[in-house]
């Protein structure tokens, strides 16, 4: 079970976007990278061609992936970065729990 999933609120711990928060849009397990909404915005120059979205080319903005070690999940109670642990509830299901406050993520 992954610690960070799509839709989680995360905060960036290091780099250019330090202390900024956003929601996870996608997760790549092989590269251990995340795409976070509002973090790591890049611009790509597209050549004119047969592309249906941009037949004339131009500059396209998109979000670049960031490594999972540079982000941490935001604690629902305090709003600060926290680690995640797993517990097994009464029904035998795994649940993600905040280490600092003990609340479910």
Protein backbone atom coordinates (compact mmCIF):
# COMPACT_ATOMS: atom_id res chain seq x y z
CA UNK A 1 0.00 0.00 0.00
CA UNK A 2 1.38 3.39 -0.98
CA UNK A 3 1.82 6.15 1.55
CA UNK A 4 0.96 8.96 -0.87
CA UNK A 5 -2.05 8.60 -3.16
CA UNK A 6 -3.85 10.68 -5.77
CA UNK A 7 -5.92 13.40 -4.10
CA UNK A 8 -3.73 13.76 -0.97
CA UNK A 9 -2.70 17.21 0.20
CA UNK A 10 1.09 17.44 0.34
CA UNK A 11 3.67 20.06 1.26
CA UNK A 12 7.06 20.41 -0.46
CA UNK A 13 9.98 19.98 1.96
CA UNK A 14 12.92 21.20 -0.12
CA UNK A 15 13.85 22.99 -3.30
CA UNK A 16 12.46 25.98 -5.16
CA UNK A 17 8.86 25.32 -4.05
CA UNK A 18 9.64 24.73 -0.35
CA UNK A 19 6.64 25.12 2.03
CA UNK A 20 4.10 25.26 -0.82
CA UNK A 21 1.13 22.91 -0.72
CA UNK A 22 -0.93 21.22 -3.41
CA UNK A 23 -2.92 18.13 -4.24
CA UNK A 24 -1.43 15.06 -5.91
CA UNK A 25 -2.65 14.66 -9.50
CA UNK A 26 -0.76 11.49 -10.44
CA UNK A 27 1.70 8.99 -8.98
CA UNK A 28 4.38 7.03 -10.84
CA UNK A 29 5.45 4.05 -8.72
CA UNK A 30 8.35 3.02 -10.96
CA UNK A 31 10.13 6.39 -10.90
CA UNK A 32 8.84 7.27 -7.41
CA UNK A 33 7.61 10.63 -8.67
CA UNK A 34 4.45 12.66 -8.17
CA UNK A 35 2.74 15.38 -10.16
CA UNK A 36 1.41 17.99 -7.72
CA UNK A 37 -1.10 20.64 -8.77
CA UNK A 38 0.47 24.11 -8.52
CA UNK A 39 4.04 22.84 -8.02
CA UNK A 40 6.86 22.72 -10.58
CA UNK A 41 5.18 24.52 -13.49
CA UNK A 42 7.23 24.28 -16.69
CA UNK A 43 6.89 25.66 -20.20
CA UNK A 44 7.48 23.55 -23.30
CA UNK A 45 8.02 24.91 -26.79
CA UNK A 46 6.00 22.91 -29.32
CA UNK A 47 6.85 22.86 -33.03
CA UNK A 48 4.07 23.34 -35.58
CA UNK A 49 2.93 20.00 -36.92
CA UNK A 50 0.16 17.48 -37.09
CA UNK A 51 -0.66 17.75 -33.39
CA UNK A 52 -4.42 18.29 -33.05
CA UNK A 53 -4.16 20.38 -29.89
CA UNK A 54 -1.52 22.81 -31.20
CA UNK A 55 -1.31 22.71 -35.01
CA UNK A 56 0.48 26.09 -35.07
CA UNK A 57 2.88 25.22 -32.26
CA UNK A 58 3.55 27.56 -29.36
CA UNK A 59 4.39 27.49 -25.69
CA UNK A 60 2.52 25.00 -23.49
CA UNK A 61 2.52 25.09 -19.69
CA UNK A 62 2.41 21.84 -17.72
CA UNK A 63 3.42 20.41 -14.35
CA UNK A 64 6.66 18.46 -14.07
CA UNK A 65 7.02 15.49 -11.70
CA UNK A 66 8.73 15.84 -8.33
CA UNK A 67 10.39 13.04 -6.35
CA UNK A 68 8.36 11.62 -3.47
CA UNK A 69 11.16 12.19 -0.96
CA UNK A 70 10.73 15.95 -1.38
CA UNK A 71 7.09 15.98 -0.25
CA UNK A 72 5.21 15.05 2.89
CA UNK A 73 1.51 14.61 3.59
CA UNK A 74 -0.27 17.44 5.40
CA UNK A 75 -1.76 16.48 8.76
CA UNK A 76 -5.57 17.01 8.61
CA UNK A 77 -5.73 18.42 12.17
CA UNK A 78 -2.67 20.67 12.38
CA UNK A 79 -1.98 21.48 8.73
CA UNK A 80 1.73 20.67 9.18
CA UNK A 81 3.82 17.98 7.45
CA UNK A 82 3.63 14.54 9.01
CA UNK A 83 4.70 10.98 8.44
CA UNK A 84 2.24 8.18 7.79
CA UNK A 85 1.90 4.83 9.52
CA UNK A 86 -0.44 1.94 8.81
CA UNK A 87 -2.81 0.35 11.29
CA UNK A 88 -5.21 -2.56 10.87
CA UNK A 89 -8.76 -1.79 11.96
CA UNK A 90 -11.35 -4.19 13.40
CA UNK A 91 -12.43 -5.35 9.94
CA UNK A 92 -8.88 -6.34 9.00
CA UNK A 93 -8.36 -3.42 6.59
CA UNK A 94 -5.22 -1.29 6.44
CA UNK A 95 -5.69 2.40 7.16
CA UNK A 96 -3.28 5.33 6.86
CA UNK A 97 -2.83 7.28 10.08
CA UNK A 98 -0.92 10.49 10.83
CA UNK A 99 2.01 9.90 13.20
CA UNK A 100 1.73 13.30 14.93
CA UNK A 101 -2.00 13.55 15.63
CA UNK A 102 -3.22 9.97 15.12
CA UNK A 103 -6.01 11.03 12.76
CA UNK A 104 -6.95 9.11 9.62
CA UNK A 105 -5.59 10.46 6.35
